[in-house]
């Protein structure tokens, strides 16, 4: 049971990292594929991360700098 929970947590983290936009598309795709290997709901989350990595639709986690000054 603990293994399942840890797998889901790691899968969610990998998917979030893949969709964050901090890494190149290749690294993001590899992270998302690794998330799909965790099983359970991580498969679907990993597929979402893979699509986000390949299409370029990634989170804008970093705030944009205001350059109006």
PDB file of N, CA and C in Angstrom:
ATOM      1  N   UNK A   1       0.825  -1.187   0.000  1.00  0.00           N
ATOM      2  CA  UNK A   1       0.000   0.000   0.000  1.00  0.00           C
ATOM      3  C   UNK A   1       0.876   1.260   0.000  1.00  0.00           C
ATOM      4  N   UNK A   2       1.930   1.250   0.814  1.00  0.00           N
ATOM      5  CA  UNK A   2       2.829   2.396   0.868  1.00  0.00           C
ATOM      6  C   UNK A   2       3.523   2.604  -0.476  1.00  0.00           C
ATOM      7  N   UNK A   3       3.849   1.513  -1.142  1.00  0.00           N
ATOM      8  CA  UNK A   3       4.498   1.599  -2.445  1.00  0.00           C
ATOM      9  C   UNK A   3       3.586   2.291  -3.463  1.00  0.00           C
ATOM     10  N   UNK A   4       2.293   1.980  -3.419  1.00  0.00           N
ATOM     11  CA  UNK A   4       1.333   2.609  -4.317  1.00  0.00           C
ATOM     12  C   UNK A   4       1.240   4.116  -4.055  1.00  0.00           C
ATOM     13  N   UNK A   5       1.168   4.481  -2.794  1.00  0.00           N
ATOM     14  CA  UNK A   5       1.052   5.894  -2.436  1.00  0.00           C
ATOM     15  C   UNK A   5       2.314   6.652  -2.835  1.00  0.00           C
ATOM     16  N   UNK A   6       3.475   6.079  -2.564  1.00  0.00           N
ATOM     17  CA  UNK A   6       4.728   6.730  -2.955  1.00  0.00           C
ATOM     18  C   UNK A   6       4.852   6.844  -4.474  1.00  0.00           C
ATOM     19  N   UNK A   7       4.403   5.817  -5.182  1.00  0.00           N
ATOM     20  CA  UNK A   7       4.430   5.858  -6.650  1.00  0.00           C
ATOM     21  C   UNK A   7       3.560   6.970  -7.192  1.00  0.00           C
ATOM     22  N   UNK A   8       2.393   7.161  -6.592  1.00  0.00           N
ATOM     23  CA  UNK A   8       1.501   8.232  -7.024  1.00  0.00           C
ATOM     24  C   UNK A   8       2.099   9.601  -6.729  1.00  0.00           C
ATOM     25  N   UNK A   9       2.717   9.733  -5.580  1.00  0.00           N
ATOM     26  CA  UNK A   9       3.331  11.019  -5.215  1.00  0.00           C
ATOM     27  C   UNK A   9       4.490  11.350  -6.155  1.00  0.00           C
ATOM     28  N   UNK A  10       5.319  10.369  -6.446  1.00  0.00           N
ATOM     29  CA  UNK A  10       6.455  10.592  -7.359  1.00  0.00           C
ATOM     30  C   UNK A  10       5.939  10.886  -8.765  1.00  0.00           C
ATOM     31  N   UNK A  11       4.916  10.162  -9.197  1.00  0.00           N
ATOM     32  CA  UNK A  11       4.332  10.396 -10.518  1.00  0.00           C
ATOM     33  C   UNK A  11       3.752  11.794 -10.646  1.00  0.00           C
ATOM     34  N   UNK A  12       3.073  12.260  -9.601  1.00  0.00           N
ATOM     35  CA  UNK A  12       2.508  13.610  -9.616  1.00  0.00           C
ATOM     36  C   UNK A  12       3.616  14.660  -9.661  1.00  0.00           C
ATOM     37  N   UNK A  13       4.676  14.445  -8.903  1.00  0.00           N
ATOM     38  CA  UNK A  13       5.799  15.390  -8.901  1.00  0.00           C
ATOM     39  C   UNK A  13       6.474  15.443 -10.276  1.00  0.00           C
ATOM     40  N   UNK A  14       6.698  14.274 -10.890  1.00  0.00           N
ATOM     41  CA  UNK A  14       7.328  14.244 -12.209  1.00  0.00           C
ATOM     42  C   UNK A  14       6.466  14.943 -13.248  1.00  0.00           C
ATOM     43  N   UNK A  15       5.157  14.727 -13.173  1.00  0.00           N
ATOM     44  CA  UNK A  15       4.252  15.375 -14.124  1.00  0.00           C
ATOM     45  C   UNK A  15       4.249  16.882 -13.930  1.00  0.00           C
ATOM     46  N   UNK A  16       4.217  17.320 -12.688  1.00  0.00           N
ATOM     47  CA  UNK A  16       4.239  18.765 -12.407  1.00  0.00           C
ATOM     48  C   UNK A  16       5.536  19.390 -12.907  1.00  0.00           C
ATOM     49  N   UNK A  17       6.636  18.700 -12.698  1.00  0.00           N
ATOM     50  CA  UNK A  17       7.932  19.197 -13.162  1.00  0.00           C
ATOM     51  C   UNK A  17       7.985  19.235 -14.690  1.00  0.00           C
ATOM     52  N   UNK A  18       7.413  18.220 -15.337  1.00  0.00           N
ATOM     53  CA  UNK A  18       7.415  18.170 -16.802  1.00  0.00           C
ATOM     54  C   UNK A  18       6.584  19.299 -17.396  1.00  0.00           C
ATOM     55  N   UNK A  19       5.483  19.649 -16.760  1.00  0.00           N
ATOM     56  CA  UNK A  19       4.585  20.678 -17.292  1.00  0.00           C
ATOM     57  C   UNK A  19       4.947  22.082 -16.847  1.00  0.00           C
ATOM     58  N   UNK A  20       5.958  22.221 -16.014  1.00  0.00           N
ATOM     59  CA  UNK A  20       6.271  23.533 -15.447  1.00  0.00           C
ATOM     60  C   UNK A  20       6.899  24.493 -16.445  1.00  0.00           C
ATOM     61  N   UNK A  21       7.575  23.988 -17.454  1.00  0.00           N
ATOM     62  CA  UNK A  21       8.220  24.855 -18.430  1.00  0.00           C
ATOM     63  C   UNK A  21       9.628  25.250 -18.052  1.00  0.00           C
ATOM     64  N   UNK A  22      10.170  24.709 -16.992  1.00  0.00           N
ATOM     65  CA  UNK A  22      11.529  25.059 -16.559  1.00  0.00           C
ATOM     66  C   UNK A  22      12.604  24.320 -17.335  1.00  0.00           C
ATOM     67  N   UNK A  23      12.221  23.215 -17.958  1.00  0.00           N
ATOM     68  CA  UNK A  23      13.187  22.380 -18.671  1.00  0.00           C
ATOM     69  C   UNK A  23      12.870  22.388 -20.166  1.00  0.00           C
ATOM     70  N   UNK A  24      13.804  21.871 -20.945  1.00  0.00           N
ATOM     71  CA  UNK A  24      13.577  21.780 -22.383  1.00  0.00           C
ATOM     72  C   UNK A  24      12.464  20.781 -22.668  1.00  0.00           C
ATOM     73  N   UNK A  25      11.978  20.799 -23.879  1.00  0.00           N
ATOM     74  CA  UNK A  25      10.884  19.885 -24.251  1.00  0.00           C
ATOM     75  C   UNK A  25      11.311  18.421 -24.118  1.00  0.00           C
ATOM     76  N   UNK A  26      12.545  18.121 -24.479  1.00  0.00           N
ATOM     77  CA  UNK A  26      13.017  16.745 -24.407  1.00  0.00           C
ATOM     78  C   UNK A  26      13.051  16.250 -22.966  1.00  0.00           C
ATOM     79  N   UNK A  27      13.594  17.051 -22.070  1.00  0.00           N
ATOM     80  CA  UNK A  27      13.662  16.673 -20.656  1.00  0.00           C
ATOM     81  C   UNK A  27      12.250  16.544 -20.088  1.00  0.00           C
ATOM     82  N   UNK A  28      11.370  17.469 -20.456  1.00  0.00           N
ATOM     83  CA  UNK A  28       9.993  17.413 -19.980  1.00  0.00           C
ATOM     84  C   UNK A  28       9.290  16.152 -20.471  1.00  0.00           C
ATOM     85  N   UNK A  29       9.531  15.783 -21.725  1.00  0.00           N
ATOM     86  CA  UNK A  29       8.913  14.571 -22.270  1.00  0.00           C
ATOM     87  C   UNK A  29       9.431  13.329 -21.547  1.00  0.00           C
ATOM     88  N   UNK A  30      10.707  13.293 -21.253  1.00  0.00           N
ATOM     89  CA  UNK A  30      11.278  12.142 -20.537  1.00  0.00           C
ATOM     90  C   UNK A  30      10.700  12.045 -19.125  1.00  0.00           C
ATOM     91  N   UNK A  31      10.564  13.184 -18.446  1.00  0.00           N
ATOM     92  CA  UNK A  31       9.973  13.180 -17.101  1.00  0.00           C
ATOM     93  C   UNK A  31       8.521  12.709 -17.139  1.00  0.00           C
ATOM     94  N   UNK A  32       7.776  13.160 -18.138  1.00  0.00           N
ATOM     95  CA  UNK A  32       6.377  12.746 -18.257  1.00  0.00           C
ATOM     96  C   UNK A  32       6.270  11.257 -18.563  1.00  0.00           C
ATOM     97  N   UNK A  33       7.152  10.750 -19.405  1.00  0.00           N
ATOM     98  CA  UNK A  33       7.137   9.313 -19.691  1.00  0.00           C
ATOM     99  C   UNK A  33       7.486   8.505 -18.442  1.00  0.00           C
ATOM    100  N   UNK A  34       8.395   9.005 -17.647  1.00  0.00           N
ATOM    101  CA  UNK A  34       8.738   8.323 -16.395  1.00  0.00           C
ATOM    102  C   UNK A  34       7.523   8.308 -15.460  1.00  0.00           C
ATOM    103  N   UNK A  35       6.738   9.385 -15.472  1.00  0.00           N
ATOM    104  CA  UNK A  35       5.551   9.446 -14.619  1.00  0.00           C
ATOM    105  C   UNK A  35       4.517   8.410 -15.030  1.00  0.00           C
ATOM    106  N   UNK A  36       4.426   8.120 -16.329  1.00  0.00           N
ATOM    107  CA  UNK A  36       3.451   7.115 -16.775  1.00  0.00           C
ATOM    108  C   UNK A  36       3.818   5.722 -16.281  1.00  0.00           C
ATOM    109  N   UNK A  37       5.066   5.495 -15.957  1.00  0.00           N
ATOM    110  CA  UNK A  37       5.507   4.184 -15.488  1.00  0.00           C
ATOM    111  C   UNK A  37       5.171   3.933 -14.020  1.00  0.00           C
ATOM    112  N   UNK A  38       4.658   4.947 -13.321  1.00  0.00           N
ATOM    113  CA  UNK A  38       4.343   4.796 -11.900  1.00  0.00           C
ATOM    114  C   UNK A  38       3.039   4.045 -11.669  1.00  0.00           C
ATOM    115  N   UNK A  39       2.199   3.941 -12.691  1.00  0.00           N
ATOM    116  CA  UNK A  39       0.955   3.195 -12.571  1.00  0.00           C
ATOM    117  C   UNK A  39      -0.171   4.010 -11.954  1.00  0.00           C
ATOM    118  N   UNK A  40      -1.359   3.441 -11.996  1.00  0.00           N
ATOM    119  CA  UNK A  40      -2.528   4.095 -11.413  1.00  0.00           C
ATOM    120  C   UNK A  40      -2.857   5.403 -12.106  1.00  0.00           C
ATOM    121  N   UNK A  41      -3.244   6.383 -11.329  1.00  0.00           N
ATOM    122  CA  UNK A  41      -3.616   7.688 -11.868  1.00  0.00           C
ATOM    123  C   UNK A  41      -2.422   8.414 -12.468  1.00  0.00           C
ATOM    124  N   UNK A  42      -1.224   8.019 -12.105  1.00  0.00           N
ATOM    125  CA  UNK A  42      -0.026   8.667 -12.657  1.00  0.00           C
ATOM    126  C   UNK A  42       0.092   8.436 -14.154  1.00  0.00           C
ATOM    127  N   UNK A  43      -0.515   7.357 -14.656  1.00  0.00           N
ATOM    128  CA  UNK A  43      -0.486   7.125 -16.102  1.00  0.00           C
ATOM    129  C   UNK A  43      -1.205   8.249 -16.828  1.00  0.00           C
ATOM    130  N   UNK A  44      -2.374   8.604 -16.345  1.00  0.00           N
ATOM    131  CA  UNK A  44      -3.129   9.680 -16.985  1.00  0.00           C
ATOM    132  C   UNK A  44      -2.448  11.030 -16.790  1.00  0.00           C
ATOM    133  N   UNK A  45      -1.936  11.269 -15.591  1.00  0.00           N
ATOM    134  CA  UNK A  45      -1.231  12.528 -15.344  1.00  0.00           C
ATOM    135  C   UNK A  45       0.022  12.613 -16.206  1.00  0.00           C
ATOM    136  N   UNK A  46       0.718  11.505 -16.361  1.00  0.00           N
ATOM    137  CA  UNK A  46       1.914  11.477 -17.187  1.00  0.00           C
ATOM    138  C   UNK A  46       1.605  11.760 -18.646  1.00  0.00           C
ATOM    139  N   UNK A  47       0.484  11.227 -19.133  1.00  0.00           N
ATOM    140  CA  UNK A  47       0.078  11.513 -20.507  1.00  0.00           C
ATOM    141  C   UNK A  47      -0.242  13.000 -20.675  1.00  0.00           C
ATOM    142  N   UNK A  48      -0.884  13.576 -19.672  1.00  0.00           N
ATOM    143  CA  UNK A  48      -1.171  15.011 -19.709  1.00  0.00           C
ATOM    144  C   UNK A  48       0.141  15.805 -19.748  1.00  0.00           C
ATOM    145  N   UNK A  49       1.097  15.407 -18.932  1.00  0.00           N
ATOM    146  CA  UNK A  49       2.397  16.087 -18.920  1.00  0.00           C
ATOM    147  C   UNK A  49       3.132  15.922 -20.236  1.00  0.00           C
ATOM    148  N   UNK A  50       3.011  14.752 -20.845  1.00  0.00           N
ATOM    149  CA  UNK A  50       3.655  14.510 -22.136  1.00  0.00           C
ATOM    150  C   UNK A  50       3.046  15.398 -23.213  1.00  0.00           C
ATOM    151  N   UNK A  51       1.725  15.495 -23.225  1.00  0.00           N
ATOM    152  CA  UNK A  51       1.072  16.386 -24.187  1.00  0.00           C
ATOM    153  C   UNK A  51       1.466  17.838 -23.949  1.00  0.00           C
ATOM    154  N   UNK A  52       1.543  18.237 -22.696  1.00  0.00           N
ATOM    155  CA  UNK A  52       1.950  19.600 -22.378  1.00  0.00           C
ATOM    156  C   UNK A  52       3.382  19.863 -22.818  1.00  0.00           C
ATOM    157  N   UNK A  53       4.249  18.879 -22.650  1.00  0.00           N
ATOM    158  CA  UNK A  53       5.652  19.050 -23.036  1.00  0.00           C
ATOM    159  C   UNK A  53       5.808  19.137 -24.550  1.00  0.00           C
ATOM    160  N   UNK A  54       5.043  18.325 -25.269  1.00  0.00           N
ATOM    161  CA  UNK A  54       5.203  18.280 -26.715  1.00  0.00           C
ATOM    162  C   UNK A  54       4.498  19.416 -27.437  1.00  0.00           C
ATOM    163  N   UNK A  55       3.400  19.910 -26.884  1.00  0.00           N
ATOM    164  CA  UNK A  55       2.659  20.978 -27.555  1.00  0.00           C
ATOM    165  C   UNK A  55       3.120  22.360 -27.135  1.00  0.00           C
ATOM    166  N   UNK A  56       3.913  22.438 -26.080  1.00  0.00           N
ATOM    167  CA  UNK A  56       4.396  23.733 -25.623  1.00  0.00           C
ATOM    168  C   UNK A  56       3.434  24.439 -24.700  1.00  0.00           C
ATOM    169  N   UNK A  57       2.312  23.824 -24.361  1.00  0.00           N
ATOM    170  CA  UNK A  57       1.350  24.425 -23.446  1.00  0.00           C
ATOM    171  C   UNK A  57       1.736  24.034 -22.031  1.00  0.00           C
ATOM    172  N   UNK A  58       2.599  24.854 -21.455  1.00  0.00           N
ATOM    173  CA  UNK A  58       3.085  24.559 -20.122  1.00  0.00           C
ATOM    174  C   UNK A  58       2.688  25.674 -19.182  1.00  0.00           C
ATOM    175  N   UNK A  59       2.681  25.370 -17.910  1.00  0.00           N
ATOM    176  CA  UNK A  59       2.319  26.360 -16.892  1.00  0.00           C
ATOM    177  C   UNK A  59       3.260  27.550 -16.959  1.00  0.00           C
ATOM    178  N   UNK A  60       2.728  28.671 -16.619  1.00  0.00           N
ATOM    179  CA  UNK A  60       3.555  29.860 -16.465  1.00  0.00           C
ATOM    180  C   UNK A  60       3.780  30.050 -14.972  1.00  0.00           C
ATOM    181  N   UNK A  61       4.556  29.158 -14.399  1.00  0.00           N
ATOM    182  CA  UNK A  61       4.768  29.153 -12.957  1.00  0.00           C
ATOM    183  C   UNK A  61       5.577  30.356 -12.500  1.00  0.00           C
ATOM    184  N   UNK A  62       6.438  30.830 -13.348  1.00  0.00           N
ATOM    185  CA  UNK A  62       7.265  31.971 -12.986  1.00  0.00           C
ATOM    186  C   UNK A  62       6.546  33.271 -13.330  1.00  0.00           C
ATOM    187  N   UNK A  63       6.437  34.189 -12.392  1.00  0.00           N
ATOM    188  CA  UNK A  63       5.800  35.470 -12.702  1.00  0.00           C
ATOM    189  C   UNK A  63       6.674  36.286 -13.653  1.00  0.00           C
ATOM    190  N   UNK A  64       6.035  37.014 -14.510  1.00  0.00           N
ATOM    191  CA  UNK A  64       6.780  37.854 -15.443  1.00  0.00           C
ATOM    192  C   UNK A  64       7.258  39.103 -14.740  1.00  0.00           C
ATOM    193  N   UNK A  65       8.421  39.557 -15.128  1.00  0.00           N
ATOM    194  CA  UNK A  65       8.984  40.743 -14.514  1.00  0.00           C
ATOM    195  C   UNK A  65       8.337  41.986 -15.114  1.00  0.00           C
ATOM    196  N   UNK A  66       8.068  42.937 -14.264  1.00  0.00           N
ATOM    197  CA  UNK A  66       7.500  44.199 -14.702  1.00  0.00           C
ATOM    198  C   UNK A  66       8.625  45.108 -15.164  1.00  0.00           C
ATOM    199  N   UNK A  67       8.619  45.471 -16.423  1.00  0.00           N
ATOM    200  CA  UNK A  67       9.690  46.302 -16.984  1.00  0.00           C
ATOM    201  C   UNK A  67       9.194  47.701 -17.301  1.00  0.00           C
ATOM    202  N   UNK A  68       8.184  48.146 -16.602  1.00  0.00           N
ATOM    203  CA  UNK A  68       7.605  49.458 -16.895  1.00  0.00           C
ATOM    204  C   UNK A  68       8.393  50.605 -16.279  1.00  0.00           C
ATOM    205  N   UNK A  69       9.334  50.306 -15.414  1.00  0.00           N
ATOM    206  CA  UNK A  69      10.091  51.368 -14.747  1.00  0.00           C
ATOM    207  C   UNK A  69      11.249  51.808 -15.599  1.00  0.00           C
TER     208      UNK A  69
END
